[in-house]
């Protein structure tokens, strides 16, 4: 609670929390710093209230192990003249209190995928939830889209955002999603494969471009970037989910519009490839491409940092370089 409305981050003080309660610190030295890094309008308490995203620093003011924003910011500052844009498609699954996808029978399964026609109660409910989540948040660049209830995945897209803003906006969007789900009595899971068997998984497809890709003739730069990505597939798989690729191994099976986790592929309008070049981009000769490998539970800071390291900073292999503060 502040005496006046903060107009910028400088008006928001640092704070701290008990890191021992979150397994991030020892009880004898438990305080960890909360450093404000991004501020949004609050859609729950409304103006003049704010939601403030913070970085977590340890007692020595070094980033916590879970703080992947710190190195991402450093990398994005290095390539700021390239103006990297991102748009991330966050897929998620709604679960009822029984742990089943919302709207599924308690003891059974819906019809096979691909047999949807008219909107189901689940679709109507999910659209209502989506409206509640995103309508009051003009400061977040969100586009909400849907999917058939029999596929049971839903998604929203955040972007385009430049550089570090991508991770900031997606993490805040995820917070809002979970918070709204509480009001509806459902749970949103970001698990990449919430139901085993012949069901689709959930990803976080990442659309990406640099300024030169967006210019006339940019397709050659897109193809050059894809060539770099093809030689570093193992590195990207390791950072595209929080368990070093083990979560994605359940999802990237080569089925349900996914690529095979062990193979790199690319193609125009191919949703079964690692990298998709949109058909319009192929026709226009410039634009962006989509990396379809990131899992729904990925850390957007890790994903965007990895893409920039490979395509702009020309890193190779599985090791990353440590750059000085820029």
Foldseek 3Di string as FASTA:
>chain_A
DDPDQDPDLVRPDKDWDFQVVVVQDDNVQGIKIWRFDDKFADLPVGPPDIDTHTFIAGPVRHGGPPRLLVVQQQLLVVCVVQFKWKKKKFKWAKAAPLLHGPPADPPDADDDPPPDDDADPVNVVVVVLVCSLPVSGPVWQKAFDADHCNLRMGIIMGDRDTGSVVLVRVVVSVVSSQVSCVVVRIGIDLQQPSDDDDHAGTFIKMKIDTPCQADQQNLVLQVLLLVLCQQALQLLCLQLAPNGNPSLCRHQCLPPLHEHSVHADEDEPRSSHQKYDDPVCVVRNGDIIIGGRRGSRGRVSSNVSVSCCRSPVVDGDNDGDDDDRD
